[in-house]
Amino acid sequence: MEEEFNSLDKNSVNNKSSIEDLLRENIRYNRAIFSDMQKIKRHMMWRTIFNVIWLILFVAPLIVAAIWLPSFISDFTAQFQGFTGNSSNTIDLLQQLQQLK
């Protein structure tokens, strides 16, 4: 019986050191994972910031142009028609130029 007690005592000592080694290894892995997660979190933050900047620089001007451009084009065509007169005179002028050839 005494031999069994000694063997149990030795096994418990081995188990304790084994458990402590496993805990140390686990802590080391947890620190590495935490470090990687911090890097991923930082990367995701910068990605979000650059996506917002991209939206502001590229998409917002397209939206503004889609709203503002039709009124600008109508104003421009009205001014252009004022320079050329009405369209029938322009067509007559083109026909006269073709007859001169």
C-alpha atoms as a PDB file:
ATOM      1  CA  MET A   1       0.000   0.000   0.000  1.00  0.00           C
ATOM      2  CA  GLU A   2       2.839   2.295   0.773  1.00  0.00           C
ATOM      3  CA  GLU A   3       4.246   1.743  -2.702  1.00  0.00           C
ATOM      4  CA  GLU A   4       0.944   2.790  -4.261  1.00  0.00           C
ATOM      5  CA  PHE A   5       0.920   5.940  -2.169  1.00  0.00           C
ATOM      6  CA  ASN A   6       4.457   6.818  -3.285  1.00  0.00           C
ATOM      7  CA  SER A   7       3.586   6.211  -6.920  1.00  0.00           C
ATOM      8  CA  LEU A   8       0.457   8.389  -6.589  1.00  0.00           C
ATOM      9  CA  ASP A   9       2.527  11.093  -4.970  1.00  0.00           C
ATOM     10  CA  LYS A  10       5.056  10.986  -7.826  1.00  0.00           C
ATOM     11  CA  ASN A  11       2.268  11.037 -10.439  1.00  0.00           C
ATOM     12  CA  SER A  12       0.662  14.054  -8.801  1.00  0.00           C
ATOM     13  CA  VAL A  13       3.988  15.894  -8.838  1.00  0.00           C
ATOM     14  CA  ASN A  14       4.429  14.998 -12.516  1.00  0.00           C
ATOM     15  CA  ASN A  15       0.859  16.021 -13.212  1.00  0.00           C
ATOM     16  CA  LYS A  16       1.385  19.366 -11.474  1.00  0.00           C
ATOM     17  CA  SER A  17       4.480  20.166 -13.493  1.00  0.00           C
ATOM     18  CA  SER A  18       2.756  18.974 -16.650  1.00  0.00           C
ATOM     19  CA  ILE A  19      -0.262  21.164 -15.916  1.00  0.00           C
ATOM     20  CA  GLU A  20       1.979  24.143 -15.154  1.00  0.00           C
ATOM     21  CA  ASP A  21       3.840  23.592 -18.434  1.00  0.00           C
ATOM     22  CA  LEU A  22       0.546  23.393 -20.302  1.00  0.00           C
ATOM     23  CA  LEU A  23      -0.674  26.581 -18.616  1.00  0.00           C
ATOM     24  CA  ARG A  24       2.519  28.440 -19.533  1.00  0.00           C
ATOM     25  CA  GLU A  25       2.211  27.254 -23.129  1.00  0.00           C
ATOM     26  CA  ASN A  26      -1.445  28.261 -23.174  1.00  0.00           C
ATOM     27  CA  ILE A  27      -0.594  31.746 -21.872  1.00  0.00           C
ATOM     28  CA  ARG A  28       2.095  32.109 -24.557  1.00  0.00           C
ATOM     29  CA  TYR A  29      -0.398  31.117 -27.280  1.00  0.00           C
ATOM     30  CA  ASN A  30      -3.033  33.467 -25.865  1.00  0.00           C
ATOM     31  CA  ARG A  31      -0.581  36.378 -25.963  1.00  0.00           C
ATOM     32  CA  ALA A  32       0.318  35.597 -29.582  1.00  0.00           C
ATOM     33  CA  ILE A  33      -3.356  35.385 -30.544  1.00  0.00           C
ATOM     34  CA  PHE A  34      -4.097  38.644 -28.729  1.00  0.00           C
ATOM     35  CA  SER A  35      -1.251  40.363 -30.572  1.00  0.00           C
ATOM     36  CA  ASP A  36      -2.553  39.107 -33.922  1.00  0.00           C
ATOM     37  CA  MET A  37      -6.082  40.207 -33.063  1.00  0.00           C
ATOM     38  CA  GLN A  38      -4.846  43.708 -32.250  1.00  0.00           C
ATOM     39  CA  LYS A  39      -3.154  43.877 -35.671  1.00  0.00           C
ATOM     40  CA  ILE A  40      -6.326  42.687 -37.406  1.00  0.00           C
ATOM     41  CA  LYS A  41      -8.434  45.193 -35.477  1.00  0.00           C
ATOM     42  CA  ARG A  42      -6.077  48.037 -36.457  1.00  0.00           C
ATOM     43  CA  HIS A  43      -6.158  46.912 -40.087  1.00  0.00           C
ATOM     44  CA  MET A  44      -9.960  46.823 -40.113  1.00  0.00           C
ATOM     45  CA  MET A  45     -10.115  50.321 -38.605  1.00  0.00           C
ATOM     46  CA  TRP A  46      -7.821  51.772 -41.302  1.00  0.00           C
ATOM     47  CA  ARG A  47      -9.757  49.900 -43.997  1.00  0.00           C
ATOM     48  CA  THR A  48     -13.002  51.481 -42.782  1.00  0.00           C
ATOM     49  CA  ILE A  49     -11.414  54.941 -42.723  1.00  0.00           C
ATOM     50  CA  PHE A  50     -10.107  54.581 -46.279  1.00  0.00           C
ATOM     51  CA  ASN A  51     -13.485  53.284 -47.483  1.00  0.00           C
ATOM     52  CA  VAL A  52     -15.163  56.397 -46.114  1.00  0.00           C
ATOM     53  CA  ILE A  53     -12.520  58.619 -47.719  1.00  0.00           C
ATOM     54  CA  TRP A  54     -13.023  56.772 -51.022  1.00  0.00           C
ATOM     55  CA  LEU A  55     -16.764  57.371 -50.826  1.00  0.00           C
ATOM     56  CA  ILE A  56     -16.239  61.061 -50.142  1.00  0.00           C
ATOM     57  CA  LEU A  57     -13.658  61.559 -52.906  1.00  0.00           C
ATOM     58  CA  PHE A  58     -15.180  59.479 -55.702  1.00  0.00           C
ATOM     59  CA  VAL A  59     -18.834  58.691 -55.137  1.00  0.00           C
ATOM     60  CA  ALA A  60     -19.972  61.994 -53.645  1.00  0.00           C
ATOM     61  CA  PRO A  61     -18.836  64.064 -56.685  1.00  0.00           C
ATOM     62  CA  LEU A  62     -20.693  61.654 -58.974  1.00  0.00           C
ATOM     63  CA  ILE A  63     -23.879  62.147 -56.984  1.00  0.00           C
ATOM     64  CA  VAL A  64     -23.437  65.916 -56.959  1.00  0.00           C
ATOM     65  CA  ALA A  65     -22.757  65.881 -60.715  1.00  0.00           C
ATOM     66  CA  ALA A  66     -25.875  63.811 -61.367  1.00  0.00           C
ATOM     67  CA  ILE A  67     -27.946  66.383 -59.495  1.00  0.00           C
ATOM     68  CA  TRP A  68     -26.232  69.538 -60.805  1.00  0.00           C
ATOM     69  CA  LEU A  69     -25.310  68.533 -64.373  1.00  0.00           C
ATOM     70  CA  PRO A  70     -28.808  68.432 -65.968  1.00  0.00           C
ATOM     71  CA  SER A  71     -29.520  72.046 -65.018  1.00  0.00           C
ATOM     72  CA  PHE A  72     -26.053  73.059 -66.258  1.00  0.00           C
ATOM     73  CA  ILE A  73     -26.611  71.305 -69.605  1.00  0.00           C
ATOM     74  CA  SER A  74     -30.020  72.914 -70.099  1.00  0.00           C
ATOM     75  CA  ASP A  75     -28.533  76.362 -69.362  1.00  0.00           C
ATOM     76  CA  PHE A  76     -25.662  75.678 -71.762  1.00  0.00           C
ATOM     77  CA  THR A  77     -27.966  74.551 -74.586  1.00  0.00           C
ATOM     78  CA  ALA A  78     -30.141  77.608 -74.065  1.00  0.00           C
ATOM     79  CA  GLN A  79     -27.087  79.874 -74.398  1.00  0.00           C
ATOM     80  CA  PHE A  80     -25.856  77.928 -77.433  1.00  0.00           C
ATOM     81  CA  GLN A  81     -29.231  78.298 -79.130  1.00  0.00           C
ATOM     82  CA  GLY A  82     -29.091  82.009 -78.377  1.00  0.00           C
ATOM     83  CA  PHE A  83     -25.797  82.235 -80.278  1.00  0.00           C
ATOM     84  CA  THR A  84     -26.937  80.192 -83.264  1.00  0.00           C
ATOM     85  CA  GLY A  85     -30.479  81.435 -83.428  1.00  0.00           C
ATOM     86  CA  ASN A  86     -33.273  78.971 -83.883  1.00  0.00           C
ATOM     87  CA  SER A  87     -32.469  75.577 -85.331  1.00  0.00           C
ATOM     88  CA  SER A  88     -34.172  76.129 -88.697  1.00  0.00           C
ATOM     89  CA  ASN A  89     -31.745  78.960 -89.531  1.00  0.00           C
ATOM     90  CA  THR A  90     -28.823  76.703 -88.687  1.00  0.00           C
ATOM     91  CA  ILE A  91     -30.131  73.984 -90.975  1.00  0.00           C
ATOM     92  CA  ASP A  92     -30.652  76.550 -93.759  1.00  0.00           C
ATOM     93  CA  LEU A  93     -27.081  77.774 -93.308  1.00  0.00           C
ATOM     94  CA  LEU A  94     -25.757  74.201 -93.580  1.00  0.00           C
ATOM     95  CA  GLN A  95     -27.766  73.624 -96.764  1.00  0.00           C
ATOM     96  CA  GLN A  96     -26.424  76.836 -98.279  1.00  0.00           C
ATOM     97  CA  LEU A  97     -22.853  75.759 -97.492  1.00  0.00           C
ATOM     98  CA  GLN A  98     -23.432  72.396 -99.164  1.00  0.00           C
ATOM     99  CA  GLN A  99     -24.799  74.140-102.289  1.00  0.00           C
ATOM    100  CA  LEU A 100     -21.683  76.337-102.502  1.00  0.00           C
ATOM    101  CA  LYS A 101     -19.478  73.284-102.843  1.00  0.00           C
END
